[in-house]
C-alpha cells in the first residue's frame, strides 16, 4: 500500500473529523486535535476559507492517515497523524514549508508550527529542519474527569441560566461575546453573521450552548460545549463573561451546568484549551501543551 498526498476538499471537514474520532485515546493521549476543535475551526468567522485547498491530506487506500493544516490563517500549522504513521512527520514538515507558510510585507516566508510537548520524535524532526522553539507559553489542554455526582448550580438572585434551545438571540450573543473577549465599545452590526456562522457546524448543539442572563434579559455569560458521543467526552469553547459581570460566579455556574448536561449524555471527561486558575479551581488539570516552533524559509 502506498501513501498518497492530495489537497483538502470540502468533504474532508467530515472525513478528518471521523479520523480524529477513530484514533482518539482516553485523555487525548493520541496527541491529535479533539474532534470538536476541528469542528469549531470550520465554523469560526476568522477562518481563511480561501486557502483551504492548501491544507494537505495524506491517504492510504482511500483512508486518511495524516493532515497538515492551519487553524485560522496561513503561517500557523498543526499536524494530525495516525498513531502508526509517525514516519510521515518529516513529510508533513516539508509540505508545511511548501504550502502553509506566511508571507510578510518584505516577501519573506515563515512558519509557526505547534507540537505536543511530549512528542520528542516530532521535535527532533523539527530541529533537523532548523525549527527553533519559541518563548510563547503555547496552547495548553486541561482535562476534568466527570465525577459520579456534581454540585448544585447556583446563580445570584435575578440571574437565569438557559440554553440556546430555549432562546437563541443572535444580537445578545454577539454582544456578550464581543464584550466578553474584551473588545472595546459596542459590537459592530455586521458581526451578527459571525455568530450565525458559529452555529453552522452539524456538531453544534443549541442544548449544550448556555447563556446567563442578567435581570434585564441581556446575556452576560456565554458557555459553549461540544459533545463527542463516540468517545464520550466534551470540549468547552468558547467561554466569555461581560467584564461588568465578572467575579460573580456566572462562568463557574455555566461551566458546571454544561458539564452536568454532558454527563447526562454519557460524558466521562471534559476538556478545555486553557491553564487558567479559573479552570483549575473547578478541578481541571493540564495534561499537555502544544508548544510553538518557528522557522524562516529561504
Protein backbone atom coordinates (compact mmCIF):
# COMPACT_ATOMS: atom_id res chain seq x y z
CA UNK A 1 0.00 0.00 0.00
CA UNK A 2 1.23 3.48 -0.90
CA UNK A 3 0.51 6.68 0.98
CA UNK A 4 -0.57 9.50 -1.32
CA UNK A 5 -0.88 13.24 -0.75
CA UNK A 6 -3.72 15.40 -2.02
CA UNK A 7 -5.17 18.86 -1.32
CA UNK A 8 -8.06 19.39 1.07
CA UNK A 9 -11.60 19.11 -0.28
CA UNK A 10 -14.97 20.08 1.20
CA UNK A 11 -15.87 16.54 2.29
CA UNK A 12 -12.74 16.45 4.46
CA UNK A 13 -14.45 18.50 7.16
CA UNK A 14 -16.41 15.35 7.96
CA UNK A 15 -13.73 12.84 6.97
CA UNK A 16 -10.96 14.39 9.07
CA UNK A 17 -13.41 14.64 11.94
CA UNK A 18 -14.11 10.91 11.62
CA UNK A 19 -10.35 10.26 11.56
CA UNK A 20 -9.93 12.16 14.83
CA UNK A 21 -12.73 10.16 16.44
CA UNK A 22 -11.39 6.83 15.20
CA UNK A 23 -7.89 7.29 16.63
CA UNK A 24 -8.76 9.08 19.86
CA UNK A 25 -7.25 7.66 23.04
CA UNK A 26 -8.65 8.46 26.53
CA UNK A 27 -7.14 11.59 27.99
CA UNK A 28 -6.22 12.73 24.46
CA UNK A 29 -3.09 10.55 24.60
CA UNK A 30 -3.30 10.12 20.83
CA UNK A 31 -1.77 13.60 20.52
CA UNK A 32 -4.14 14.80 17.80
CA UNK A 33 -6.76 17.51 17.97
CA UNK A 34 -10.06 16.71 19.58
CA UNK A 35 -12.86 16.34 17.06
CA UNK A 36 -14.66 19.44 18.46
CA UNK A 37 -11.54 21.57 17.91
CA UNK A 38 -11.68 20.68 14.22
CA UNK A 39 -15.42 21.40 14.01
CA UNK A 40 -15.07 24.71 15.84
CA UNK A 41 -12.27 25.77 13.49
CA UNK A 42 -14.53 25.34 10.45
CA UNK A 43 -17.39 27.32 11.96
CA UNK A 44 -15.25 30.18 13.21
CA UNK A 45 -15.65 33.55 11.44
CA UNK A 46 -11.88 34.16 11.40
CA UNK A 47 -11.16 31.08 9.26
CA UNK A 48 -9.50 31.96 5.94
CA UNK A 49 -11.61 29.79 3.67
CA UNK A 50 -9.80 30.94 0.53
CA UNK A 51 -6.68 28.95 1.46
CA UNK A 52 -8.32 25.68 2.50
CA UNK A 53 -7.10 23.93 -0.66
CA UNK A 54 -3.53 24.38 0.64
CA UNK A 55 -4.23 22.02 3.53
CA UNK A 56 -2.50 18.71 2.87
CA UNK A 57 -4.22 15.34 3.36
CA UNK A 58 -2.35 12.02 3.29
CA UNK A 59 -4.28 8.85 2.44
CA UNK A 60 -3.64 5.13 2.30
CA UNK A 61 -6.16 3.12 0.28
CA UNK A 62 -8.62 6.00 0.49
CA UNK A 63 -8.34 6.37 4.28
CA UNK A 64 -6.87 9.48 5.88
CA UNK A 65 -3.65 8.87 7.79
CA UNK A 66 -2.34 12.43 8.31
CA UNK A 67 -3.24 16.10 7.86
CA UNK A 68 -1.18 19.32 7.86
CA UNK A 69 -3.35 22.41 8.27
CA UNK A 70 -3.67 25.92 9.66
CA UNK A 71 -6.35 26.97 12.15
CA UNK A 72 -7.43 30.43 11.04
CA UNK A 73 -4.78 31.65 8.58
CA UNK A 74 -1.65 30.58 6.77
CA UNK A 75 1.59 30.68 8.73
CA UNK A 76 0.38 28.67 11.73
CA UNK A 77 0.47 24.89 11.28
CA UNK A 78 -0.94 21.89 13.13
CA UNK A 79 -0.49 18.22 12.40
CA UNK A 80 -2.81 15.24 12.85
CA UNK A 81 -1.11 11.86 12.44
CA UNK A 82 -2.26 8.25 12.56
CA UNK A 83 -0.52 6.63 15.56
CA UNK A 84 1.13 4.06 13.29
CA UNK A 85 2.31 6.59 10.69
CA UNK A 86 4.84 8.61 12.68
CA UNK A 87 7.32 8.16 9.82
CA UNK A 88 5.29 10.79 7.93
CA UNK A 89 6.27 13.61 10.28
CA UNK A 90 9.25 14.76 8.21
CA UNK A 91 6.98 14.80 5.12
CA UNK A 92 4.41 16.86 6.99
CA UNK A 93 7.03 19.46 7.87
CA UNK A 94 8.29 19.61 4.31
CA UNK A 95 4.77 20.07 2.99
CA UNK A 96 4.06 22.84 5.51
CA UNK A 97 7.12 24.74 4.31
CA UNK A 98 5.99 24.43 0.70
CA UNK A 99 2.30 25.26 1.11
CA UNK A 100 1.32 26.65 4.50
CA UNK A 101 3.84 29.47 5.02
CA UNK A 102 3.06 33.12 5.71
CA UNK A 103 4.46 35.98 3.65
CA UNK A 104 5.45 39.21 5.40
CA UNK A 105 5.49 42.68 3.85
CA UNK A 106 9.04 42.06 2.57
CA UNK A 107 8.06 38.84 0.80
CA UNK A 108 9.80 36.62 3.36
CA UNK A 109 8.29 33.25 4.22
CA UNK A 110 7.88 32.00 7.78
CA UNK A 111 6.11 29.27 9.71
CA UNK A 112 4.96 28.75 13.27
CA UNK A 113 4.24 25.09 13.95
CA UNK A 114 2.68 23.56 17.07
CA UNK A 115 4.00 20.32 18.54
CA UNK A 116 2.86 18.46 21.65
CA UNK A 117 5.40 18.93 24.45
CA UNK A 118 5.84 15.17 24.87
CA UNK A 119 6.44 14.35 21.19
CA UNK A 120 10.24 14.12 21.16
CA UNK A 121 10.21 12.44 17.77
CA UNK A 122 8.43 15.37 16.14
CA UNK A 123 10.66 17.84 17.98
CA UNK A 124 13.69 16.02 16.65
CA UNK A 125 12.37 16.18 13.10
CA UNK A 126 11.70 19.91 13.55
CA UNK A 127 15.21 20.60 14.87
CA UNK A 128 16.69 18.73 11.91
CA UNK A 129 14.84 21.14 9.62
CA UNK A 130 16.12 24.20 11.57
CA UNK A 131 12.98 24.98 13.56
CA UNK A 132 13.54 26.63 16.92
CA UNK A 133 11.24 26.62 19.97
CA UNK A 134 9.77 29.98 20.99
CA UNK A 135 9.15 31.54 24.40
CA UNK A 136 5.42 31.53 23.69
CA UNK A 137 3.51 29.78 26.50
CA UNK A 138 1.86 27.58 23.91
CA UNK A 139 -1.60 26.03 23.85
CA UNK A 140 -2.34 24.02 26.99
CA UNK A 141 -5.02 21.34 27.22
CA UNK A 142 -6.71 20.71 30.54
CA UNK A 143 -8.91 17.75 31.49
CA UNK A 144 -11.68 17.24 34.04
CA UNK A 145 -12.76 13.66 34.82
CA UNK A 146 -16.51 13.69 35.36
CA UNK A 147 -17.29 12.58 38.94
CA UNK A 148 -20.29 10.41 39.93
CA UNK A 149 -22.01 13.44 41.44
CA UNK A 150 -21.87 17.11 40.53
CA UNK A 151 -22.60 20.08 42.83
CA UNK A 152 -25.77 22.13 42.57
CA UNK A 153 -25.57 25.10 40.22
CA UNK A 154 -26.30 28.42 41.88
CA UNK A 155 -26.67 31.93 40.47
CA UNK A 156 -27.10 35.35 42.07
CA UNK A 157 -30.71 36.40 42.60
CA UNK A 158 -32.41 37.59 39.41
CA UNK A 159 -29.95 35.89 37.04
CA UNK A 160 -31.11 32.99 34.87
CA UNK A 161 -29.27 30.25 33.02
CA UNK A 162 -30.70 28.85 29.80
CA UNK A 163 -29.62 27.05 26.66
CA UNK A 164 -29.90 28.33 23.13
CA UNK A 165 -32.54 25.65 22.60
CA UNK A 166 -34.74 27.81 24.84
CA UNK A 167 -33.70 31.20 23.47
CA UNK A 168 -31.22 31.90 20.69
CA UNK A 169 -30.90 35.67 20.35
CA UNK A 170 -28.01 36.38 17.98
CA UNK A 171 -27.89 40.08 18.86
CA UNK A 172 -27.44 39.32 22.55
CA UNK A 173 -24.98 36.53 21.78
CA UNK A 174 -22.93 38.89 19.64
CA UNK A 175 -22.79 41.47 22.39
CA UNK A 176 -21.71 39.13 25.19
CA UNK A 177 -19.01 37.52 23.05
CA UNK A 178 -17.75 40.88 21.80
CA UNK A 179 -17.55 42.32 25.30
CA UNK A 180 -16.55 39.03 26.89
CA UNK A 181 -13.40 38.90 24.79
CA UNK A 182 -12.54 42.46 25.81
CA UNK A 183 -13.26 44.26 22.55
CA UNK A 184 -13.88 47.98 23.13
CA UNK A 185 -17.23 49.66 22.75
CA UNK A 186 -20.38 48.16 21.33
CA UNK A 187 -20.17 45.34 18.75
CA UNK A 188 -20.38 46.07 15.01
CA UNK A 189 -23.72 45.14 13.45
CA UNK A 190 -22.12 43.05 10.70
CA UNK A 191 -20.84 40.71 13.39
CA UNK A 192 -24.28 39.13 13.69
CA UNK A 193 -23.38 36.97 10.70
CA UNK A 194 -20.24 35.83 12.52
CA UNK A 195 -22.43 34.42 15.29
CA UNK A 196 -24.73 32.75 12.79
CA UNK A 197 -21.73 31.02 11.22
CA UNK A 198 -20.54 29.83 14.63
CA UNK A 199 -23.77 27.83 14.84
CA UNK A 200 -23.43 26.35 11.35
CA UNK A 201 -21.48 23.20 12.22
CA UNK A 202 -23.53 19.96 12.11
CA UNK A 203 -21.97 19.17 15.51
CA UNK A 204 -23.15 22.42 17.12
CA UNK A 205 -25.82 21.79 19.74
CA UNK A 206 -28.15 24.50 21.00
CA UNK A 207 -28.99 22.44 24.10
CA UNK A 208 -25.30 22.38 25.15
CA UNK A 209 -24.65 26.05 24.46
CA UNK A 210 -25.55 28.05 27.54
CA UNK A 211 -26.04 31.69 28.41
CA UNK A 212 -26.56 33.51 31.69
CA UNK A 213 -28.95 36.45 31.50
CA UNK A 214 -28.98 39.39 33.92
CA UNK A 215 -32.33 40.54 35.38
CA UNK A 216 -32.99 42.78 32.37
CA UNK A 217 -32.60 39.87 29.95
CA UNK A 218 -29.23 40.71 28.39
CA UNK A 219 -26.78 37.82 28.08
CA UNK A 220 -23.74 38.41 30.30
CA UNK A 221 -22.03 35.00 30.14
CA UNK A 222 -21.71 32.52 27.27
CA UNK A 223 -20.52 28.91 27.52
CA UNK A 224 -20.36 26.56 24.54
CA UNK A 225 -19.88 22.82 24.89
CA UNK A 226 -19.26 20.31 22.13
CA UNK A 227 -20.04 16.67 22.89
CA UNK A 228 -18.30 13.78 21.14
CA UNK A 229 -20.58 10.83 21.76
CA UNK A 230 -18.39 8.02 20.38
CA UNK A 231 -15.54 8.56 22.84
CA UNK A 232 -17.78 10.22 25.43
CA UNK A 233 -16.02 13.48 26.11
CA UNK A 234 -16.92 17.16 25.80
CA UNK A 235 -14.95 20.27 24.90
CA UNK A 236 -15.57 23.82 26.18
CA UNK A 237 -15.38 26.54 23.51
CA UNK A 238 -15.95 29.44 23.85
CA UNK A 239 -16.45 30.77 27.37
CA UNK A 240 -16.80 34.50 27.90
CA UNK A 241 -18.24 36.85 30.52
CA UNK A 242 -19.11 40.51 30.12
CA UNK A 243 -16.45 42.45 32.10
CA UNK A 244 -19.18 44.27 34.05
CA UNK A 245 -20.37 40.94 35.46
CA UNK A 246 -17.17 39.11 36.28
CA UNK A 247 -16.32 37.64 39.70
CA UNK A 248 -19.96 36.86 40.39
CA UNK A 249 -19.72 33.11 39.84
CA UNK A 250 -21.54 33.22 36.49
CA UNK A 251 -18.90 31.44 34.42
CA UNK A 252 -18.45 28.76 37.08
CA UNK A 253 -22.18 28.13 37.16
CA UNK A 254 -22.37 27.94 33.35
CA UNK A 255 -19.45 25.50 33.12
CA UNK A 256 -20.84 23.28 35.89
CA UNK A 257 -24.25 23.20 34.26
CA UNK A 258 -22.65 22.38 30.91
CA UNK A 259 -20.69 19.54 32.49
CA UNK A 260 -23.86 18.27 34.17
CA UNK A 261 -25.70 18.20 30.83
CA UNK A 262 -22.85 16.44 29.06
CA UNK A 263 -22.56 13.92 31.91
CA UNK A 264 -26.24 13.11 31.49
CA UNK A 265 -25.44 12.20 27.86
CA UNK A 266 -22.60 9.89 28.95
CA UNK A 267 -19.53 12.18 29.01
CA UNK A 268 -16.70 10.78 31.12
CA UNK A 269 -14.20 13.62 30.63
CA UNK A 270 -14.30 17.32 29.76
CA UNK A 271 -11.52 19.24 28.02
CA UNK A 272 -10.68 22.90 27.67
CA UNK A 273 -7.76 24.60 25.93
CA UNK A 274 -6.61 26.64 28.91
CA UNK A 275 -4.49 26.57 32.06
CA UNK A 276 -6.23 29.50 33.76
CA UNK A 277 -6.61 29.41 37.53
CA UNK A 278 -10.39 29.62 36.99
CA UNK A 279 -10.44 26.15 35.42
CA UNK A 280 -8.06 24.73 38.00
CA UNK A 281 -10.46 25.91 40.70
CA UNK A 282 -13.16 23.81 39.04
CA UNK A 283 -10.99 20.69 39.05
CA UNK A 284 -9.33 20.84 35.62
CA UNK A 285 -5.68 19.83 35.32
CA UNK A 286 -3.37 20.45 32.37
CA UNK A 287 -2.41 17.20 30.63
CA UNK A 288 -0.13 18.57 27.92
CA UNK A 289 0.73 21.68 25.94
CA UNK A 290 1.29 22.35 22.24
CA UNK A 291 4.48 24.41 22.02
CA UNK A 292 5.24 26.67 19.09
CA UNK A 293 8.37 26.38 16.92
CA UNK A 294 9.32 28.84 14.19
CA UNK A 295 11.32 28.87 11.01
CA UNK A 296 12.12 31.44 8.34
CA UNK A 297 12.17 29.87 4.90
CA UNK A 298 14.74 30.91 2.33
